[in-house]
C-alpha atoms as a PDB file:
ATOM      1  CA  MET A   1      -0.039   0.003  -0.013  1.00  0.00           C
ATOM      2  CA  SER A   2       1.428   3.447  -0.850  1.00  0.00           C
ATOM      3  CA  ARG A   3       1.793   5.997   1.945  1.00  0.00           C
ATOM      4  CA  VAL A   4       0.639   9.544   1.749  1.00  0.00           C
ATOM      5  CA  ALA A   5       3.706  11.505   0.798  1.00  0.00           C
ATOM      6  CA  GLY A   6       4.778  14.841   2.594  1.00  0.00           C
ATOM      7  CA  THR A   7       4.874  13.376   6.225  1.00  0.00           C
ATOM      8  CA  SER A   8       8.458  15.050   6.372  1.00  0.00           C
ATOM      9  CA  VAL A   9      10.736  16.941   4.190  1.00  0.00           C
ATOM     10  CA  LEU A  10      12.985  14.061   4.059  1.00  0.00           C
ATOM     11  CA  GLU A  11      10.393  11.643   2.783  1.00  0.00           C
ATOM     12  CA  ARG A  12       9.344  14.087   0.320  1.00  0.00           C
ATOM     13  CA  GLU A  13      12.702  14.277  -1.114  1.00  0.00           C
ATOM     14  CA  ILE A  14      13.304  10.490  -1.078  1.00  0.00           C
ATOM     15  CA  ARG A  15       9.967  10.200  -3.171  1.00  0.00           C
ATOM     16  CA  SER A  16      11.188  13.138  -5.420  1.00  0.00           C
ATOM     17  CA  GLN A  17      14.186  11.074  -6.677  1.00  0.00           C
ATOM     18  CA  PRO A  18      12.608   9.466  -9.784  1.00  0.00           C
ATOM     19  CA  ALA A  19      11.596  12.905 -11.028  1.00  0.00           C
ATOM     20  CA  MET A  20      15.010  14.365 -10.275  1.00  0.00           C
ATOM     21  CA  LEU A  21      16.396  11.582 -12.576  1.00  0.00           C
ATOM     22  CA  VAL A  22      14.090  12.496 -15.245  1.00  0.00           C
ATOM     23  CA  GLY A  23      14.886  16.177 -14.796  1.00  0.00           C
ATOM     24  CA  ARG A  24      18.629  15.460 -15.100  1.00  0.00           C
ATOM     25  CA  GLY A  25      18.035  14.508 -18.828  1.00  0.00           C
ATOM     26  CA  SER A  26      21.200  14.210 -20.753  1.00  0.00           C
ATOM     27  CA  ILE A  27      23.050  17.059 -18.737  1.00  0.00           C
ATOM     28  CA  GLY A  28      25.337  14.607 -16.742  1.00  0.00           C
ATOM     29  CA  ALA A  29      26.061  12.363 -19.739  1.00  0.00           C
ATOM     30  CA  GLU A  30      27.059  15.296 -21.891  1.00  0.00           C
ATOM     31  CA  ALA A  31      29.246  16.689 -19.154  1.00  0.00           C
ATOM     32  CA  ALA A  32      30.813  13.247 -18.559  1.00  0.00           C
ATOM     33  CA  ILE A  33      31.908  12.970 -22.162  1.00  0.00           C
ATOM     34  CA  ARG A  34      33.765  16.275 -21.625  1.00  0.00           C
ATOM     35  CA  VAL A  35      35.349  15.150 -18.597  1.00  0.00           C
ATOM     36  CA  ALA A  36      36.452  11.875 -19.840  1.00  0.00           C
ATOM     37  CA  GLY A  37      37.968  13.486 -22.897  1.00  0.00           C
ATOM     38  CA  HIS A  38      39.740  16.118 -20.660  1.00  0.00           C
ATOM     39  CA  LEU A  39      41.300  13.462 -18.361  1.00  0.00           C
ATOM     40  CA  ARG A  40      42.447  11.248 -21.406  1.00  0.00           C
ATOM     41  CA  ALA A  41      43.836  14.224 -23.163  1.00  0.00           C
ATOM     42  CA  HIS A  42      46.065  15.183 -20.148  1.00  0.00           C
ATOM     43  CA  GLY A  43      47.413  11.717 -19.724  1.00  0.00           C
ATOM     44  CA  ALA A  44      45.333  10.555 -16.834  1.00  0.00           C
ATOM     45  CA  GLU A  45      46.226   6.838 -16.663  1.00  0.00           C
ATOM     46  CA  HIS A  46      44.783   6.448 -13.215  1.00  0.00           C
ATOM     47  CA  LEU A  47      42.060   8.303 -11.106  1.00  0.00           C
ATOM     48  CA  LEU A  48      42.364   9.727  -7.408  1.00  0.00           C
ATOM     49  CA  VAL A  49      38.958  10.609  -5.910  1.00  0.00           C
ATOM     50  CA  ALA A  50      38.542  12.926  -3.086  1.00  0.00           C
ATOM     51  CA  ALA A  51      35.171  13.198  -0.898  1.00  0.00           C
ATOM     52  CA  ARG A  52      33.869  13.062   2.616  1.00  0.00           C
ATOM     53  CA  GLY A  53      30.621  11.702   4.154  1.00  0.00           C
ATOM     54  CA  SER A  54      27.963  10.432   1.838  1.00  0.00           C
ATOM     55  CA  SER A  55      30.112  11.604  -1.117  1.00  0.00           C
ATOM     56  CA  ASP A  56      32.806   9.309   0.161  1.00  0.00           C
ATOM     57  CA  ASN A  57      30.412   6.360  -0.031  1.00  0.00           C
ATOM     58  CA  ALA A  58      29.634   7.375  -3.542  1.00  0.00           C
ATOM     59  CA  ALA A  59      33.392   7.515  -4.345  1.00  0.00           C
ATOM     60  CA  GLN A  60      33.508   3.802  -3.036  1.00  0.00           C
ATOM     61  CA  PHE A  61      30.815   2.947  -5.536  1.00  0.00           C
ATOM     62  CA  GLY A  62      32.990   4.771  -8.353  1.00  0.00           C
ATOM     63  CA  GLN A  63      36.183   2.924  -7.256  1.00  0.00           C
ATOM     64  CA  TYR A  64      34.567  -0.425  -7.714  1.00  0.00           C
ATOM     65  CA  LEU A  65      32.514   0.433 -10.822  1.00  0.00           C
ATOM     66  CA  LEU A  66      35.325   2.243 -12.664  1.00  0.00           C
ATOM     67  CA  ALA A  67      38.059  -0.289 -11.849  1.00  0.00           C
ATOM     68  CA  ASP A  68      35.845  -3.021 -12.996  1.00  0.00           C
ATOM     69  CA  ARG A  69      34.473  -1.277 -16.156  1.00  0.00           C
ATOM     70  CA  LEU A  70      37.743   0.370 -17.337  1.00  0.00           C
ATOM     71  CA  ARG A  71      40.406  -1.771 -15.574  1.00  0.00           C
ATOM     72  CA  ILE A  72      42.014   1.186 -14.327  1.00  0.00           C
ATOM     73  CA  LEU A  73      43.538   1.919 -10.898  1.00  0.00           C
ATOM     74  CA  VAL A  74      41.027   4.065  -8.976  1.00  0.00           C
ATOM     75  CA  SER A  75      42.177   5.459  -5.490  1.00  0.00           C
ATOM     76  CA  LEU A  76      40.541   7.191  -2.708  1.00  0.00           C
ATOM     77  CA  ALA A  77      42.360  10.326  -1.477  1.00  0.00           C
ATOM     78  CA  THR A  78      43.392  10.963   2.093  1.00  0.00           C
ATOM     79  CA  PRO A  79      42.584  14.676   2.305  1.00  0.00           C
ATOM     80  CA  SER A  80      44.676  15.540   5.233  1.00  0.00           C
ATOM     81  CA  ALA A  81      47.921  14.578   3.309  1.00  0.00           C
ATOM     82  CA  TYR A  82      47.035  17.505   0.845  1.00  0.00           C
ATOM     83  CA  ALA A  83      46.659  20.209   3.562  1.00  0.00           C
ATOM     84  CA  ASP A  84      50.232  21.614   2.804  1.00  0.00           C
ATOM     85  CA  PRO A  85      50.716  21.712  -0.964  1.00  0.00           C
ATOM     86  CA  ARG A  86      54.499  21.586  -0.629  1.00  0.00           C
ATOM     87  CA  ARG A  87      54.276  18.265   0.966  1.00  0.00           C
ATOM     88  CA  ALA A  88      51.360  16.644  -0.840  1.00  0.00           C
ATOM     89  CA  PRO A  89      51.824  13.187  -2.522  1.00  0.00           C
ATOM     90  CA  ARG A  90      53.128  13.196  -6.046  1.00  0.00           C
ATOM     91  CA  LEU A  91      50.225  12.799  -8.397  1.00  0.00           C
ATOM     92  CA  ASP A  92      52.050  11.722 -11.714  1.00  0.00           C
ATOM     93  CA  HIS A  93      49.888  10.073 -14.321  1.00  0.00           C
ATOM     94  CA  MET A  94      46.786  10.770 -12.225  1.00  0.00           C
ATOM     95  CA  GLY A  95      43.492  12.543 -12.990  1.00  0.00           C
ATOM     96  CA  VAL A  96      41.829  13.930  -9.893  1.00  0.00           C
ATOM     97  CA  ILE A  97      37.962  14.039  -9.143  1.00  0.00           C
ATOM     98  CA  GLY A  98      36.481  15.787  -6.165  1.00  0.00           C
ATOM     99  CA  ILE A  99      32.985  14.774  -5.104  1.00  0.00           C
ATOM    100  CA  SER A 100      30.830  17.004  -2.925  1.00  0.00           C
ATOM    101  CA  GLN A 101      27.199  17.714  -2.902  1.00  0.00           C
ATOM    102  CA  SER A 102      27.711  21.099  -1.516  1.00  0.00           C
ATOM    103  CA  GLY A 103      31.197  21.866  -2.908  1.00  0.00           C
ATOM    104  CA  GLN A 104      32.078  23.577   0.265  1.00  0.00           C
ATOM    105  CA  SER A 105      34.633  21.111   2.004  1.00  0.00           C
ATOM    106  CA  PRO A 106      38.093  22.988   2.300  1.00  0.00           C
ATOM    107  CA  ASP A 107      39.944  19.875   2.538  1.00  0.00           C
ATOM    108  CA  ILE A 108      38.498  18.389  -0.632  1.00  0.00           C
ATOM    109  CA  VAL A 109      39.377  21.769  -2.296  1.00  0.00           C
ATOM    110  CA  ALA A 110      42.691  21.348  -1.164  1.00  0.00           C
ATOM    111  CA  VAL A 111      43.441  17.962  -3.055  1.00  0.00           C
ATOM    112  CA  LEU A 112      42.301  19.698  -6.232  1.00  0.00           C
ATOM    113  CA  ASP A 113      44.636  22.582  -5.555  1.00  0.00           C
ATOM    114  CA  ALA A 114      47.383  20.256  -4.980  1.00  0.00           C
ATOM    115  CA  ALA A 115      46.698  18.487  -8.324  1.00  0.00           C
ATOM    116  CA  ARG A 116      46.468  21.620 -10.329  1.00  0.00           C
ATOM    117  CA  ALA A 117      49.669  22.841  -8.789  1.00  0.00           C
ATOM    118  CA  GLN A 118      51.229  19.772 -10.137  1.00  0.00           C
ATOM    119  CA  GLY A 119      49.702  20.235 -13.512  1.00  0.00           C
ATOM    120  CA  ARG A 120      47.391  17.430 -13.253  1.00  0.00           C
ATOM    121  CA  PRO A 121      43.819  17.409 -14.902  1.00  0.00           C
ATOM    122  CA  THR A 122      40.977  17.792 -12.432  1.00  0.00           C
ATOM    123  CA  ALA A 123      36.994  17.554 -12.458  1.00  0.00           C
ATOM    124  CA  THR A 124      34.458  17.897  -9.647  1.00  0.00           C
ATOM    125  CA  ILE A 125      31.101  16.231  -9.212  1.00  0.00           C
ATOM    126  CA  THR A 126      28.848  18.691  -7.248  1.00  0.00           C
ATOM    127  CA  ASN A 127      25.370  20.174  -6.926  1.00  0.00           C
ATOM    128  CA  ASP A 128      26.477  23.595  -6.806  1.00  0.00           C
ATOM    129  CA  GLU A 129      28.332  24.953  -9.876  1.00  0.00           C
ATOM    130  CA  GLY A 130      29.360  28.071  -8.204  1.00  0.00           C
ATOM    131  CA  SER A 131      30.916  26.336  -5.161  1.00  0.00           C
ATOM    132  CA  PRO A 132      34.542  26.512  -4.164  1.00  0.00           C
ATOM    133  CA  LEU A 133      35.073  22.993  -5.262  1.00  0.00           C
ATOM    134  CA  ALA A 134      33.617  23.682  -8.681  1.00  0.00           C
ATOM    135  CA  ARG A 135      35.785  26.749  -9.036  1.00  0.00           C
ATOM    136  CA  ALA A 136      38.822  24.460  -8.122  1.00  0.00           C
ATOM    137  CA  GLY A 137      38.336  22.005 -10.859  1.00  0.00           C
ATOM    138  CA  ASP A 138      38.982  22.145 -14.693  1.00  0.00           C
ATOM    139  CA  LEU A 139      35.433  20.970 -15.427  1.00  0.00           C
ATOM    140  CA  VAL A 140      32.293  20.156 -13.609  1.00  0.00           C
ATOM    141  CA  LEU A 141      29.883  17.233 -13.880  1.00  0.00           C
ATOM    142  CA  PRO A 142      26.958  18.678 -12.305  1.00  0.00           C
ATOM    143  CA  LEU A 143      24.532  16.576 -10.241  1.00  0.00           C
ATOM    144  CA  ALA A 144      21.655  18.641 -11.409  1.00  0.00           C
ATOM    145  CA  ALA A 145      19.534  17.390  -8.560  1.00  0.00           C
ATOM    146  CA  GLY A 146      17.863  20.643  -7.686  1.00  0.00           C
ATOM    147  CA  GLU A 147      17.773  22.162  -4.161  1.00  0.00           C
ATOM    148  CA  GLU A 148      17.921  19.557  -1.434  1.00  0.00           C
ATOM    149  CA  GLN A 149      16.390  20.698   1.834  1.00  0.00           C
ATOM    150  CA  ALA A 150      16.613  17.918   4.195  1.00  0.00           C
ATOM    151  CA  ILE A 151      19.748  17.730   6.249  1.00  0.00           C
ATOM    152  CA  ALA A 152      20.311  14.128   5.150  1.00  0.00           C
ATOM    153  CA  ALA A 153      21.498  13.754   1.538  1.00  0.00           C
ATOM    154  CA  THR A 154      19.216  11.535  -0.581  1.00  0.00           C
ATOM    155  CA  LYS A 155      18.763  12.753  -4.175  1.00  0.00           C
ATOM    156  CA  THR A 156      22.118  14.181  -4.303  1.00  0.00           C
ATOM    157  CA  TYR A 157      23.538  10.884  -3.472  1.00  0.00           C
ATOM    158  CA  LEU A 158      21.699   9.157  -6.055  1.00  0.00           C
ATOM    159  CA  ALA A 159      22.696  11.780  -8.543  1.00  0.00           C
ATOM    160  CA  SER A 160      26.218  11.139  -7.624  1.00  0.00           C
ATOM    161  CA  LEU A 161      25.968   7.423  -8.514  1.00  0.00           C
ATOM    162  CA  ALA A 162      24.317   8.380 -11.812  1.00  0.00           C
ATOM    163  CA  ALA A 163      27.244  10.879 -12.556  1.00  0.00           C
ATOM    164  CA  LEU A 164      29.816   8.217 -11.900  1.00  0.00           C
ATOM    165  CA  VAL A 165      28.019   5.708 -14.201  1.00  0.00           C
ATOM    166  CA  GLU A 166      27.968   8.530 -16.849  1.00  0.00           C
ATOM    167  CA  LEU A 167      31.492   8.854 -16.428  1.00  0.00           C
ATOM    168  CA  ALA A 168      32.167   5.157 -16.810  1.00  0.00           C
ATOM    169  CA  ASP A 169      29.908   5.070 -19.948  1.00  0.00           C
ATOM    170  CA  ALA A 170      31.767   7.965 -21.481  1.00  0.00           C
ATOM    171  CA  TYR A 171      35.015   6.307 -20.921  1.00  0.00           C
ATOM    172  CA  ASP A 172      33.606   3.001 -22.316  1.00  0.00           C
ATOM    173  CA  PRO A 173      30.671   3.796 -24.573  1.00  0.00           C
ATOM    174  CA  ALA A 174      31.038   0.207 -26.134  1.00  0.00           C
ATOM    175  CA  GLY A 175      30.213  -1.404 -22.741  1.00  0.00           C
ATOM    176  CA  ALA A 176      27.243   1.037 -21.777  1.00  0.00           C
ATOM    177  CA  ILE A 177      23.836  -0.431 -21.570  1.00  0.00           C
ATOM    178  CA  PRO A 178      20.629   1.624 -21.650  1.00  0.00           C
ATOM    179  CA  TRP A 179      19.736   2.497 -18.065  1.00  0.00           C
ATOM    180  CA  ALA A 180      18.662   6.122 -17.899  1.00  0.00           C
ATOM    181  CA  ALA A 181      14.927   5.489 -19.086  1.00  0.00           C
ATOM    182  CA  GLN A 182      14.395   2.481 -16.766  1.00  0.00           C
ATOM    183  CA  LEU A 183      15.905   3.863 -13.737  1.00  0.00           C
ATOM    184  CA  PRO A 184      13.252   6.333 -12.528  1.00  0.00           C
ATOM    185  CA  ALA A 185      10.540   3.615 -12.454  1.00  0.00           C
ATOM    186  CA  LEU A 186      12.859   1.295 -10.676  1.00  0.00           C
ATOM    187  CA  VAL A 187      13.671   3.717  -7.857  1.00  0.00           C
ATOM    188  CA  ASN A 188       9.848   4.525  -7.466  1.00  0.00           C
ATOM    189  CA  GLU A 189       9.308   0.846  -7.105  1.00  0.00           C
ATOM    190  CA  ALA A 190      12.129   0.402  -4.589  1.00  0.00           C
ATOM    191  CA  ILE A 191      10.794   3.448  -2.472  1.00  0.00           C
ATOM    192  CA  GLU A 192       7.292   1.715  -2.297  1.00  0.00           C
ATOM    193  CA  GLN A 193       8.538  -1.751  -1.644  1.00  0.00           C
ATOM    194  CA  ALA A 194      10.811  -0.297   1.285  1.00  0.00           C
ATOM    195  CA  PHE A 195       7.864   1.707   2.882  1.00  0.00           C
ATOM    196  CA  ALA A 196       5.631  -1.461   2.494  1.00  0.00           C
ATOM    197  CA  ALA A 197       8.386  -3.476   4.432  1.00  0.00           C
ATOM    198  CA  ASP A 198       6.912  -2.747   8.000  1.00  0.00           C
ATOM    199  CA  GLY A 199       8.709  -5.882   9.295  1.00  0.00           C
ATOM    200  CA  ALA A 200      12.233  -4.498   8.492  1.00  0.00           C
ATOM    201  CA  GLY A 201      11.567  -1.141  10.377  1.00  0.00           C
ATOM    202  CA  ALA A 202      10.263  -3.149  13.520  1.00  0.00           C
ATOM    203  CA  VAL A 203      13.439  -5.363  13.477  1.00  0.00           C
ATOM    204  CA  VAL A 204      15.668  -2.385  13.356  1.00  0.00           C
ATOM    205  CA  ALA A 205      13.813  -0.277  15.809  1.00  0.00           C
ATOM    206  CA  ALA A 206      13.803  -2.965  18.296  1.00  0.00           C
ATOM    207  CA  ALA A 207      17.486  -3.669  18.066  1.00  0.00           C
ATOM    208  CA  PRO A 208      20.212  -1.739  20.204  1.00  0.00           C
ATOM    209  CA  SER A 209      22.425  -1.573  17.023  1.00  0.00           C
ATOM    210  CA  LEU A 210      22.647  -2.370  13.357  1.00  0.00           C
ATOM    211  CA  THR A 211      25.391  -4.000  11.537  1.00  0.00           C
ATOM    212  CA  VAL A 212      24.931  -3.384   7.634  1.00  0.00           C
ATOM    213  CA  VAL A 213      27.014  -5.836   5.368  1.00  0.00           C
ATOM    214  CA  GLY A 214      27.668  -5.810   1.638  1.00  0.00           C
ATOM    215  CA  ARG A 215      30.274  -6.609  -0.877  1.00  0.00           C
ATOM    216  CA  GLY A 216      31.417  -5.497  -4.080  1.00  0.00           C
ATOM    217  CA  LEU A 217      28.941  -2.919  -5.546  1.00  0.00           C
ATOM    218  CA  GLY A 218      26.878  -3.534  -2.438  1.00  0.00           C
ATOM    219  CA  TYR A 219      29.615  -2.345  -0.037  1.00  0.00           C
ATOM    220  CA  SER A 220      29.059   1.322  -0.753  1.00  0.00           C
ATOM    221  CA  ALA A 221      25.442   0.819  -0.304  1.00  0.00           C
ATOM    222  CA  ALA A 222      25.944  -0.718   3.055  1.00  0.00           C
ATOM    223  CA  MET A 223      28.144   2.205   3.938  1.00  0.00           C
ATOM    224  CA  GLU A 224      25.677   4.849   2.956  1.00  0.00           C
ATOM    225  CA  ALA A 225      22.777   2.879   4.560  1.00  0.00           C
ATOM    226  CA  ALA A 226      24.616   2.622   7.853  1.00  0.00           C
ATOM    227  CA  HIS A 227      25.577   6.407   7.450  1.00  0.00           C
ATOM    228  CA  LYS A 228      21.908   7.269   6.841  1.00  0.00           C
ATOM    229  CA  MET A 229      20.489   5.220   9.651  1.00  0.00           C
ATOM    230  CA  ARG A 230      22.926   6.967  12.131  1.00  0.00           C
ATOM    231  CA  GLU A 231      22.383  10.500  11.099  1.00  0.00           C
ATOM    232  CA  VAL A 232      18.529  10.325  10.605  1.00  0.00           C
ATOM    233  CA  SER A 233      17.301   8.037  13.368  1.00  0.00           C
ATOM    234  CA  GLY A 234      20.371   8.066  15.780  1.00  0.00           C
ATOM    235  CA  VAL A 235      20.634   4.098  15.730  1.00  0.00           C
ATOM    236  CA  LEU A 236      24.295   2.953  16.266  1.00  0.00           C
ATOM    237  CA  ALA A 237      24.771   1.468  12.794  1.00  0.00           C
ATOM    238  CA  GLU A 238      28.197   0.366  11.284  1.00  0.00           C
ATOM    239  CA  ALA A 239      28.965  -1.124   7.870  1.00  0.00           C
ATOM    240  CA  TRP A 240      31.197  -3.856   6.844  1.00  0.00           C
ATOM    241  CA  SER A 241      32.222  -5.677   3.694  1.00  0.00           C
ATOM    242  CA  VAL A 242      31.675  -9.302   3.998  1.00  0.00           C
ATOM    243  CA  PRO A 243      35.377 -10.314   4.061  1.00  0.00           C
ATOM    244  CA  ASP A 244      36.171  -7.803   6.776  1.00  0.00           C
ATOM    245  CA  LEU A 245      33.152  -8.939   8.884  1.00  0.00           C
ATOM    246  CA  LEU A 246      34.387 -12.588   8.645  1.00  0.00           C
ATOM    247  CA  HIS A 247      38.110 -11.600   9.498  1.00  0.00           C
ATOM    248  CA  GLY A 248      36.998 -11.284  13.132  1.00  0.00           C
ATOM    249  CA  SER A 249      34.550  -8.611  13.558  1.00  0.00           C
ATOM    250  CA  ILE A 250      31.651 -11.067  13.238  1.00  0.00           C
ATOM    251  CA  ALA A 251      32.555 -11.842  16.999  1.00  0.00           C
ATOM    252  CA  GLY A 252      30.850  -8.507  17.864  1.00  0.00           C
ATOM    253  CA  LEU A 253      27.326  -9.971  16.912  1.00  0.00           C
ATOM    254  CA  HIS A 254      25.954 -11.106  20.240  1.00  0.00           C
ATOM    255  CA  GLY A 255      22.392 -11.932  19.358  1.00  0.00           C
ATOM    256  CA  GLN A 256      21.014  -8.621  20.039  1.00  0.00           C
ATOM    257  CA  SER A 257      22.247  -6.639  17.136  1.00  0.00           C
ATOM    258  CA  ALA A 258      20.176  -6.486  14.108  1.00  0.00           C
ATOM    259  CA  VAL A 259      21.998  -7.421  10.664  1.00  0.00           C
ATOM    260  CA  MET A 260      20.937  -5.906   7.341  1.00  0.00           C
ATOM    261  CA  LEU A 261      22.471  -7.843   4.567  1.00  0.00           C
ATOM    262  CA  ILE A 262      22.480  -6.147   1.139  1.00  0.00           C
ATOM    263  CA  ALA A 263      22.850  -8.993  -1.459  1.00  0.00           C
ATOM    264  CA  THR A 264      23.530  -7.456  -4.733  1.00  0.00           C
ATOM    265  CA  PRO A 265      23.579  -9.574  -7.963  1.00  0.00           C
ATOM    266  CA  ASP A 266      27.286  -9.103  -8.563  1.00  0.00           C
ATOM    267  CA  PHE A 267      27.642 -12.177  -6.248  1.00  0.00           C
ATOM    268  CA  ALA A 268      25.653 -15.237  -6.909  1.00  0.00           C
ATOM    269  CA  PRO A 269      22.711 -16.417  -4.612  1.00  0.00           C
ATOM    270  CA  ALA A 270      24.719 -19.205  -3.278  1.00  0.00           C
ATOM    271  CA  TYR A 271      27.328 -17.112  -2.088  1.00  0.00           C
ATOM    272  CA  TRP A 272      24.919 -14.940  -0.115  1.00  0.00           C
ATOM    273  CA  ARG A 273      23.128 -18.059   1.237  1.00  0.00           C
ATOM    274  CA  GLY A 274      26.572 -19.147   2.845  1.00  0.00           C
ATOM    275  CA  ILE A 275      27.035 -15.598   4.525  1.00  0.00           C
ATOM    276  CA  VAL A 276      23.398 -16.031   5.946  1.00  0.00           C
ATOM    277  CA  GLU A 277      24.386 -19.462   7.327  1.00  0.00           C
ATOM    278  CA  GLN A 278      27.180 -17.822   9.259  1.00  0.00           C
ATOM    279  CA  VAL A 279      25.287 -14.764  10.463  1.00  0.00           C
ATOM    280  CA  LEU A 280      22.157 -16.467  11.774  1.00  0.00           C
ATOM    281  CA  PRO A 281      23.709 -18.305  14.615  1.00  0.00           C
ATOM    282  CA  ARG A 282      24.843 -14.780  15.910  1.00  0.00           C
ATOM    283  CA  SER A 283      21.904 -12.762  15.071  1.00  0.00           C
ATOM    284  CA  SER A 284      18.456 -13.849  14.444  1.00  0.00           C
ATOM    285  CA  ASP A 285      17.286 -10.360  13.531  1.00  0.00           C
ATOM    286  CA  LEU A 286      18.355 -10.402   9.946  1.00  0.00           C
ATOM    287  CA  VAL A 287      16.986  -8.177   7.371  1.00  0.00           C
ATOM    288  CA  VAL A 288      17.856  -9.206   3.657  1.00  0.00           C
ATOM    289  CA  VAL A 289      17.742  -6.449   0.920  1.00  0.00           C
ATOM    290  CA  SER A 290      17.600  -8.159  -2.378  1.00  0.00           C
ATOM    291  CA  ASP A 291      15.956  -8.847  -5.676  1.00  0.00           C
ATOM    292  CA  ASP A 292      15.987 -12.576  -4.892  1.00  0.00           C
ATOM    293  CA  ALA A 293      12.886 -13.642  -3.071  1.00  0.00           C
ATOM    294  CA  ASP A 294      14.500 -16.928  -1.804  1.00  0.00           C
ATOM    295  CA  LEU A 295      17.157 -14.873  -0.078  1.00  0.00           C
ATOM    296  CA  ARG A 296      14.853 -12.422   1.337  1.00  0.00           C
ATOM    297  CA  GLY A 297      12.981 -15.360   2.815  1.00  0.00           C
ATOM    298  CA  LEU A 298      16.007 -16.352   4.826  1.00  0.00           C
ATOM    299  CA  GLY A 299      15.795 -13.407   7.037  1.00  0.00           C
ATOM    300  CA  ARG A 300      13.262 -12.266   9.744  1.00  0.00           C
ATOM    301  CA  ALA A 301      12.347  -9.545   7.300  1.00  0.00           C
ATOM    302  CA  GLY A 302      13.111  -8.510   3.807  1.00  0.00           C
ATOM    303  CA  ILE A 303      13.211  -5.491   1.545  1.00  0.00           C
ATOM    304  CA  HIS A 304      12.276  -6.378  -2.070  1.00  0.00           C
ATOM    305  CA  LEU A 305      14.413  -4.587  -4.760  1.00  0.00           C
ATOM    306  CA  PRO A 306      13.172  -4.642  -8.332  1.00  0.00           C
ATOM    307  CA  ALA A 307      15.672  -6.325 -10.806  1.00  0.00           C
ATOM    308  CA  GLY A 308      17.721  -3.903 -12.839  1.00  0.00           C
ATOM    309  CA  PRO A 309      19.579  -4.036 -16.052  1.00  0.00           C
ATOM    310  CA  ALA A 310      23.018  -4.136 -14.548  1.00  0.00           C
ATOM    311  CA  PRO A 311      24.207  -5.183 -11.068  1.00  0.00           C
ATOM    312  CA  TRP A 312      25.122  -1.573 -10.196  1.00  0.00           C
ATOM    313  CA  VAL A 313      21.425  -0.565 -10.362  1.00  0.00           C
ATOM    314  CA  SER A 314      20.967  -2.935  -7.229  1.00  0.00           C
ATOM    315  CA  SER A 315      23.378  -0.899  -5.483  1.00  0.00           C
ATOM    316  CA  GLY A 316      21.728   2.396  -5.983  1.00  0.00           C
ATOM    317  CA  LEU A 317      18.110   0.825  -5.288  1.00  0.00           C
ATOM    318  CA  ALA A 318      19.567  -0.641  -1.891  1.00  0.00           C
ATOM    319  CA  VAL A 319      20.648   2.770  -0.999  1.00  0.00           C
ATOM    320  CA  VAL A 320      17.060   4.263  -1.611  1.00  0.00           C
ATOM    321  CA  ALA A 321      15.730   1.243   0.528  1.00  0.00           C
ATOM    322  CA  GLY A 322      18.143   2.279   3.160  1.00  0.00           C
ATOM    323  CA  GLN A 323      17.004   5.899   3.138  1.00  0.00           C
ATOM    324  CA  VAL A 324      13.462   4.657   3.690  1.00  0.00           C
ATOM    325  CA  LEU A 325      14.392   2.419   6.257  1.00  0.00           C
ATOM    326  CA  ALA A 326      16.013   5.135   8.311  1.00  0.00           C
ATOM    327  CA  VAL A 327      12.897   7.331   7.983  1.00  0.00           C
ATOM    328  CA  VAL A 328      10.633   4.473   9.183  1.00  0.00           C
ATOM    329  CA  VAL A 329      12.940   3.643  12.083  1.00  0.00           C
ATOM    330  CA  GLY A 330      13.359   7.193  13.099  1.00  0.00           C
ATOM    331  CA  GLN A 331       9.642   7.746  13.191  1.00  0.00           C
ATOM    332  CA  ARG A 332       9.178   4.542  15.096  1.00  0.00           C
ATOM    333  CA  LEU A 333      11.641   5.924  17.712  1.00  0.00           C
ATOM    334  CA  GLY A 334      10.027   9.226  17.756  1.00  0.00           C
ATOM    335  CA  VAL A 335      12.869  11.108  16.120  1.00  0.00           C
ATOM    336  CA  ASP A 336      12.223  14.350  14.182  1.00  0.00           C
ATOM    337  CA  VAL A 337      13.987  13.125  10.942  1.00  0.00           C
ATOM    338  CA  ASP A 338      14.123  16.565   9.575  1.00  0.00           C
ATOM    339  CA  ARG A 339      16.318  17.836  12.602  1.00  0.00           C
ATOM    340  CA  PRO A 340      18.804  15.170  13.258  1.00  0.00           C
ATOM    341  CA  GLU A 341      20.420  16.339  16.532  1.00  0.00           C
ATOM    342  CA  GLY A 342      23.820  18.146  16.236  1.00  0.00           C
ATOM    343  CA  LEU A 343      23.882  18.213  12.314  1.00  0.00           C
ATOM    344  CA  SER A 344      23.718  20.864   9.768  1.00  0.00           C
ATOM    345  CA  LYS A 345      23.103  20.609   5.970  1.00  0.00           C
ATOM    346  CA  VAL A 346      26.654  21.825   4.929  1.00  0.00           C
ATOM    347  CA  THR A 347      29.794  20.419   6.654  1.00  0.00           C
ATOM    348  CA  ARG A 348      33.073  22.033   6.154  1.00  0.00           C
ATOM    349  CA  THR A 349      35.908  19.761   7.095  1.00  0.00           C
ATOM    350  CA  ARG A 350      39.544  20.579   7.142  1.00  0.00           C
END
């Protein structure tokens, strides 16, 4: 059953994402072609991506996607290493990309400043084309998501994923598949399915903490889902890749912590069933997010993802489901999801 929209600014913005994707049109794809051409023309054999917060989770998505699609080295920057341009790491053969929804973080700007001082090509992915970050880059790949009023990023995050896919498609047009026309309807279905999954919200709201697990394309979705849960609802949530969880951290599951498993189709269902078998003895409060009904049935609750034309689509849809779950859990806990305690829309890190 569809909920009545508009109960919060955050929910309205979550529900606005299909229209946002339609509204972007070809803006991002055309800019991505210019960015890819610029980076190639200036000898960028590898990419360095600088970001913070939700944008850093988008960068994790880009790291996996671009490395897999283009077979190039994609590294994530450590911004503090660039605070003093005289001591910044050498960026030979690198193209540098800064991602920030607001474009206001001085430490991300510093990475691009260091790159330009070394004569390296730069580009930015931002929703504010007049921001300090946009001015620091050679070219801008705009998010074109429109104004985002809620403190928690939703549509700008999804637009960041779309921009990174557009960049991959610009580098590798032969490997591109049609996705832009299908994605809005898939996102809308994911939103409705997540709001209808009352059992998932009940499981997470009743638990003292949440562990979100993913791998490959789903790892960035796990990172962002945990981030959204913490900032929106205040639930103590953390994210792990499957291998890191199994390398000892699984010992922290003591039966009371809820687990959300984001089972993306870049790994086979048999793989995910094996992970569930290891998690269930430690936590029966398992929520499975997947487009596979059998996998969802292994958990105490599940969130249905519609099947997309490529594995990366499931990662984006899982993030949307995580956004919805954060709202549902926050409301169950009596939290004002539009005014998370201690947070502001723009964070300027140094």
